[in-house]
Amino acid sequence: MLSSVLFAAVGVLGAGYSVVVSSVALNQGPKCVNGTQLTYPFSDGDYLADHTLWEKCLEPAGVVSWHISLFAVLLTMGLIQVALCAFQVVNGLLGAICGDCCGCNGGSDGTV
């Protein structure tokens, strides 16, 4: 039971890292060529609401939509993984604490 809780806790940490990285990547935007240099033209997440700003990225073509799609999927999967692993941690802890005492009648004839 302890190993299940530990592995689920590591899963929560890994998924949390994925959520943080995806959130930062969505906020900062893709690195692309605007004019003559390779830079991050979107520094404050304003490109998510204003699609006309996407024209700042000249190359590679379609990088903004690809960036948003990739990191939105990673963010969603990370949030789902955090929820499932957190549920597993709680379930494992409750099983370890109450596993032997709940649901047992404790009859003297050995029946349950």
N, C-alpha and C. Protein backbone atom coordinates (compact mmCIF):
# COMPACT_ATOMS: atom_id res chain seq x y z
N MET A 1 0.83 -1.19 0.00
CA MET A 1 0.00 0.00 0.00
C MET A 1 0.87 1.26 0.00
N LEU A 2 1.96 1.21 0.73
CA LEU A 2 2.84 2.36 0.81
C LEU A 2 3.48 2.67 -0.55
N SER A 3 3.85 1.64 -1.27
CA SER A 3 4.46 1.87 -2.59
C SER A 3 3.47 2.50 -3.56
N SER A 4 2.21 2.11 -3.46
CA SER A 4 1.17 2.71 -4.31
C SER A 4 1.03 4.20 -4.02
N VAL A 5 1.05 4.56 -2.76
CA VAL A 5 0.93 5.97 -2.37
C VAL A 5 2.17 6.74 -2.83
N LEU A 6 3.35 6.16 -2.68
CA LEU A 6 4.58 6.84 -3.09
C LEU A 6 4.64 7.05 -4.60
N PHE A 7 4.28 6.03 -5.37
CA PHE A 7 4.29 6.17 -6.82
C PHE A 7 3.25 7.18 -7.30
N ALA A 8 2.09 7.20 -6.66
CA ALA A 8 1.07 8.17 -7.02
C ALA A 8 1.51 9.59 -6.66
N ALA A 9 2.23 9.73 -5.55
CA ALA A 9 2.74 11.05 -5.16
C ALA A 9 3.78 11.53 -6.17
N VAL A 10 4.64 10.63 -6.65
CA VAL A 10 5.60 10.99 -7.69
C VAL A 10 4.86 11.37 -8.97
N GLY A 11 3.77 10.68 -9.25
CA GLY A 11 2.94 11.03 -10.41
C GLY A 11 2.34 12.42 -10.29
N VAL A 12 1.91 12.79 -9.09
CA VAL A 12 1.37 14.14 -8.87
C VAL A 12 2.46 15.18 -9.12
N LEU A 13 3.68 14.90 -8.65
CA LEU A 13 4.77 15.85 -8.86
C LEU A 13 5.12 16.00 -10.34
N GLY A 14 5.19 14.88 -11.06
CA GLY A 14 5.49 14.93 -12.48
C GLY A 14 4.42 15.62 -13.28
N ALA A 15 3.18 15.34 -12.96
CA ALA A 15 2.07 15.99 -13.65
C ALA A 15 2.01 17.48 -13.32
N GLY A 16 2.32 17.82 -12.08
CA GLY A 16 2.37 19.23 -11.71
C GLY A 16 3.45 19.98 -12.47
N TYR A 17 4.58 19.34 -12.67
CA TYR A 17 5.66 19.94 -13.47
C TYR A 17 5.19 20.17 -14.90
N SER A 18 4.49 19.19 -15.45
CA SER A 18 3.96 19.33 -16.81
C SER A 18 2.96 20.47 -16.91
N VAL A 19 2.12 20.63 -15.91
CA VAL A 19 1.13 21.71 -15.91
C VAL A 19 1.83 23.07 -15.85
N VAL A 20 2.86 23.19 -15.02
CA VAL A 20 3.58 24.46 -14.89
C VAL A 20 4.28 24.80 -16.20
N VAL A 21 4.99 23.84 -16.79
CA VAL A 21 5.71 24.09 -18.04
C VAL A 21 4.74 24.45 -19.16
N SER A 22 3.63 23.75 -19.26
CA SER A 22 2.64 24.04 -20.30
C SER A 22 2.03 25.42 -20.12
N SER A 23 1.75 25.79 -18.88
CA SER A 23 1.17 27.11 -18.61
C SER A 23 2.13 28.23 -18.98
N VAL A 24 3.39 28.06 -18.61
CA VAL A 24 4.39 29.07 -18.93
C VAL A 24 4.58 29.17 -20.45
N ALA A 25 4.62 28.02 -21.12
CA ALA A 25 4.80 28.02 -22.57
C ALA A 25 3.62 28.69 -23.27
N LEU A 26 2.40 28.44 -22.80
CA LEU A 26 1.24 29.11 -23.39
C LEU A 26 1.27 30.61 -23.15
N ASN A 27 1.73 31.01 -21.99
CA ASN A 27 1.78 32.44 -21.68
C ASN A 27 2.86 33.15 -22.50
N GLN A 28 4.02 32.51 -22.65
CA GLN A 28 5.13 33.16 -23.34
C GLN A 28 4.99 33.12 -24.85
N GLY A 29 4.40 32.09 -25.39
CA GLY A 29 4.24 32.00 -26.83
C GLY A 29 5.41 31.32 -27.51
N PRO A 30 5.29 31.06 -28.80
CA PRO A 30 6.35 30.36 -29.52
C PRO A 30 7.53 31.27 -29.86
N LYS A 31 8.65 30.64 -30.10
CA LYS A 31 9.83 31.35 -30.58
C LYS A 31 9.81 31.25 -32.10
N CYS A 32 9.84 32.39 -32.77
CA CYS A 32 9.72 32.37 -34.22
C CYS A 32 10.49 33.55 -34.83
N VAL A 33 10.58 33.53 -36.14
CA VAL A 33 11.26 34.59 -36.88
C VAL A 33 10.27 35.71 -37.14
N ASN A 34 10.59 36.89 -36.65
CA ASN A 34 9.79 38.07 -37.00
C ASN A 34 10.75 39.11 -37.58
N GLY A 35 10.73 39.19 -38.88
CA GLY A 35 11.68 40.08 -39.55
C GLY A 35 12.95 39.32 -39.86
N THR A 36 14.02 39.66 -39.12
CA THR A 36 15.31 39.03 -39.40
C THR A 36 15.86 38.23 -38.23
N GLN A 37 15.22 38.27 -37.08
CA GLN A 37 15.77 37.58 -35.92
C GLN A 37 14.79 36.58 -35.32
N LEU A 38 15.34 35.59 -34.63
CA LEU A 38 14.55 34.56 -33.97
C LEU A 38 14.33 35.00 -32.53
N THR A 39 13.07 35.36 -32.20
CA THR A 39 12.77 35.89 -30.87
C THR A 39 11.43 35.34 -30.38
N TYR A 40 11.08 35.75 -29.15
CA TYR A 40 9.76 35.49 -28.58
C TYR A 40 8.95 36.78 -28.73
N PRO A 41 8.15 36.92 -29.78
CA PRO A 41 7.43 38.18 -29.97
C PRO A 41 6.25 38.38 -29.03
N PHE A 42 5.77 37.33 -28.42
CA PHE A 42 4.62 37.42 -27.50
C PHE A 42 5.13 37.14 -26.10
N SER A 43 5.22 38.16 -25.29
CA SER A 43 5.81 37.97 -23.96
C SER A 43 4.80 37.91 -22.83
N ASP A 44 3.57 38.32 -23.06
CA ASP A 44 2.62 38.40 -21.95
C ASP A 44 1.30 37.68 -22.19
N GLY A 45 1.24 36.76 -23.14
CA GLY A 45 0.05 35.98 -23.37
C GLY A 45 -1.05 36.71 -24.11
N ASP A 46 -0.77 37.92 -24.60
CA ASP A 46 -1.80 38.69 -25.30
C ASP A 46 -2.18 38.08 -26.64
N TYR A 47 -1.33 37.23 -27.18
CA TYR A 47 -1.61 36.63 -28.49
C TYR A 47 -2.74 35.61 -28.44
N LEU A 48 -3.08 35.12 -27.27
CA LEU A 48 -4.15 34.12 -27.15
C LEU A 48 -5.52 34.71 -27.45
N ALA A 49 -5.73 35.96 -27.10
CA ALA A 49 -7.02 36.60 -27.33
C ALA A 49 -7.07 37.38 -28.64
N ASP A 50 -5.93 37.82 -29.13
CA ASP A 50 -5.89 38.65 -30.33
C ASP A 50 -5.17 37.90 -31.45
N HIS A 51 -5.95 37.30 -32.36
CA HIS A 51 -5.38 36.47 -33.43
C HIS A 51 -4.66 37.30 -34.49
N THR A 52 -4.87 38.59 -34.51
CA THR A 52 -4.16 39.41 -35.50
C THR A 52 -2.67 39.52 -35.17
N LEU A 53 -2.30 39.28 -33.92
CA LEU A 53 -0.90 39.32 -33.53
C LEU A 53 -0.10 38.13 -34.07
N TRP A 54 -0.81 37.08 -34.50
CA TRP A 54 -0.14 35.88 -34.99
C TRP A 54 0.68 36.18 -36.25
N GLU A 55 0.37 37.27 -36.92
CA GLU A 55 1.10 37.63 -38.13
C GLU A 55 2.53 38.08 -37.83
N LYS A 56 2.87 38.32 -36.57
CA LYS A 56 4.24 38.68 -36.21
C LYS A 56 5.22 37.55 -36.52
N CYS A 57 4.74 36.31 -36.43
CA CYS A 57 5.60 35.16 -36.71
C CYS A 57 5.57 34.85 -38.20
N LEU A 58 6.68 35.11 -38.86
CA LEU A 58 6.76 34.87 -40.30
C LEU A 58 7.16 33.43 -40.61
N GLU A 59 8.09 32.89 -39.87
CA GLU A 59 8.55 31.52 -40.06
C GLU A 59 8.73 30.86 -38.71
N PRO A 60 8.54 29.62 -38.58
CA PRO A 60 7.92 28.66 -39.49
C PRO A 60 6.42 28.91 -39.61
N ALA A 61 5.89 28.53 -40.72
CA ALA A 61 4.48 28.78 -41.01
C ALA A 61 3.59 27.96 -40.06
N GLY A 62 2.58 28.60 -39.50
CA GLY A 62 1.62 27.92 -38.63
C GLY A 62 2.15 27.56 -37.26
N VAL A 63 3.25 28.18 -36.85
CA VAL A 63 3.86 27.82 -35.57
C VAL A 63 2.99 28.21 -34.38
N VAL A 64 2.25 29.28 -34.50
CA VAL A 64 1.44 29.74 -33.36
C VAL A 64 0.30 28.77 -33.08
N SER A 65 -0.41 28.37 -34.10
CA SER A 65 -1.52 27.42 -33.89
C SER A 65 -0.99 26.06 -33.41
N TRP A 66 0.16 25.64 -33.94
CA TRP A 66 0.76 24.38 -33.49
C TRP A 66 1.17 24.48 -32.02
N HIS A 67 1.76 25.59 -31.64
CA HIS A 67 2.21 25.81 -30.27
C HIS A 67 1.01 25.78 -29.30
N ILE A 68 -0.04 26.47 -29.66
CA ILE A 68 -1.23 26.51 -28.80
C ILE A 68 -1.85 25.13 -28.69
N SER A 69 -1.97 24.42 -29.80
CA SER A 69 -2.57 23.08 -29.77
C SER A 69 -1.76 22.12 -28.91
N LEU A 70 -0.46 22.10 -29.12
CA LEU A 70 0.40 21.17 -28.38
C LEU A 70 0.35 21.43 -26.88
N PHE A 71 0.55 22.67 -26.47
CA PHE A 71 0.61 22.94 -25.04
C PHE A 71 -0.76 22.95 -24.37
N ALA A 72 -1.83 23.19 -25.12
CA ALA A 72 -3.17 23.06 -24.54
C ALA A 72 -3.48 21.60 -24.25
N VAL A 73 -3.09 20.70 -25.15
CA VAL A 73 -3.29 19.27 -24.92
C VAL A 73 -2.43 18.80 -23.74
N LEU A 74 -1.17 19.24 -23.68
CA LEU A 74 -0.31 18.86 -22.56
C LEU A 74 -0.85 19.39 -21.23
N LEU A 75 -1.38 20.60 -21.24
CA LEU A 75 -1.95 21.18 -20.02
C LEU A 75 -3.18 20.38 -19.57
N THR A 76 -4.04 20.04 -20.51
CA THR A 76 -5.24 19.27 -20.18
C THR A 76 -4.87 17.89 -19.63
N MET A 77 -3.96 17.21 -20.30
CA MET A 77 -3.55 15.88 -19.84
C MET A 77 -2.86 15.95 -18.47
N GLY A 78 -2.08 16.99 -18.25
CA GLY A 78 -1.43 17.15 -16.95
C GLY A 78 -2.43 17.37 -15.83
N LEU A 79 -3.45 18.17 -16.09
CA LEU A 79 -4.48 18.39 -15.08
C LEU A 79 -5.26 17.12 -14.77
N ILE A 80 -5.56 16.34 -15.80
CA ILE A 80 -6.25 15.07 -15.59
C ILE A 80 -5.36 14.12 -14.78
N GLN A 81 -4.08 14.08 -15.11
CA GLN A 81 -3.15 13.21 -14.39
C GLN A 81 -3.00 13.64 -12.94
N VAL A 82 -2.94 14.94 -12.68
CA VAL A 82 -2.87 15.42 -11.30
C VAL A 82 -4.09 14.94 -10.52
N ALA A 83 -5.27 15.07 -11.11
CA ALA A 83 -6.50 14.66 -10.42
C ALA A 83 -6.51 13.16 -10.15
N LEU A 84 -6.14 12.35 -11.14
CA LEU A 84 -6.16 10.91 -10.95
C LEU A 84 -5.11 10.44 -9.94
N CYS A 85 -3.92 11.00 -10.00
CA CYS A 85 -2.88 10.61 -9.05
C CYS A 85 -3.21 11.08 -7.64
N ALA A 86 -3.78 12.27 -7.52
CA ALA A 86 -4.19 12.75 -6.19
C ALA A 86 -5.28 11.86 -5.61
N PHE A 87 -6.21 11.43 -6.44
CA PHE A 87 -7.25 10.49 -5.99
C PHE A 87 -6.62 9.18 -5.53
N GLN A 88 -5.61 8.71 -6.26
CA GLN A 88 -4.94 7.47 -5.89
C GLN A 88 -4.19 7.61 -4.57
N VAL A 89 -3.59 8.78 -4.33
CA VAL A 89 -2.90 9.02 -3.06
C VAL A 89 -3.90 8.97 -1.91
N VAL A 90 -5.02 9.67 -2.06
CA VAL A 90 -6.05 9.66 -1.01
C VAL A 90 -6.61 8.27 -0.81
N ASN A 91 -6.88 7.56 -1.89
CA ASN A 91 -7.41 6.21 -1.81
C ASN A 91 -6.42 5.27 -1.12
N GLY A 92 -5.16 5.39 -1.45
CA GLY A 92 -4.15 4.55 -0.81
C GLY A 92 -3.98 4.85 0.66
N LEU A 93 -4.02 6.13 1.02
CA LEU A 93 -3.90 6.50 2.43
C LEU A 93 -5.10 6.01 3.24
N LEU A 94 -6.28 6.17 2.68
CA LEU A 94 -7.47 5.67 3.38
C LEU A 94 -7.46 4.15 3.48
N GLY A 95 -6.97 3.49 2.44
CA GLY A 95 -6.87 2.04 2.49
C GLY A 95 -5.86 1.57 3.52
N ALA A 96 -4.78 2.30 3.66
CA ALA A 96 -3.77 1.92 4.65
C ALA A 96 -4.24 2.18 6.08
N ILE A 97 -4.97 3.28 6.26
CA ILE A 97 -5.40 3.64 7.61
C ILE A 97 -6.64 2.86 8.03
N CYS A 98 -7.62 2.76 7.14
CA CYS A 98 -8.90 2.15 7.50
C CYS A 98 -9.13 0.79 6.85
N GLY A 99 -8.15 0.27 6.17
CA GLY A 99 -8.35 -0.96 5.40
C GLY A 99 -8.72 -2.16 6.23
N ASP A 100 -8.15 -2.30 7.42
CA ASP A 100 -8.41 -3.48 8.23
C ASP A 100 -9.58 -3.30 9.19
N CYS A 101 -9.95 -2.08 9.50
CA CYS A 101 -10.98 -1.85 10.52
C CYS A 101 -12.37 -1.64 9.95
N CYS A 102 -12.50 -1.22 8.72
CA CYS A 102 -13.81 -0.93 8.15
C CYS A 102 -14.38 -2.16 7.46
N GLY A 103 -15.63 -2.42 7.68
CA GLY A 103 -16.32 -3.52 6.99
C GLY A 103 -16.09 -4.88 7.61
N CYS A 104 -15.45 -4.95 8.74
CA CYS A 104 -15.21 -6.23 9.39
C CYS A 104 -16.14 -6.35 10.60
N ASN A 105 -16.94 -7.45 10.64
CA ASN A 105 -17.86 -7.64 11.77
C ASN A 105 -17.13 -8.13 13.01
N GLY A 106 -16.03 -8.84 12.82
CA GLY A 106 -15.27 -9.29 13.97
C GLY A 106 -15.96 -10.38 14.75
N GLY A 107 -16.69 -11.26 14.06
CA GLY A 107 -17.39 -12.36 14.75
C GLY A 107 -16.44 -13.32 15.40
N SER A 108 -16.87 -13.95 16.51
CA SER A 108 -15.99 -14.86 17.23
C SER A 108 -15.84 -16.21 16.54
N ASP A 109 -16.74 -16.49 15.58
CA ASP A 109 -16.64 -17.79 14.89
C ASP A 109 -15.76 -17.70 13.65
N GLY A 110 -15.12 -16.54 13.40
CA GLY A 110 -14.20 -16.40 12.29
C GLY A 110 -14.86 -16.00 10.98
N THR A 111 -16.17 -15.79 10.98
CA THR A 111 -16.86 -15.35 9.76
C THR A 111 -16.79 -13.84 9.65
N VAL A 112 -16.89 -13.40 8.44
CA VAL A 112 -16.83 -11.97 8.21
C VAL A 112 -18.20 -11.44 7.91
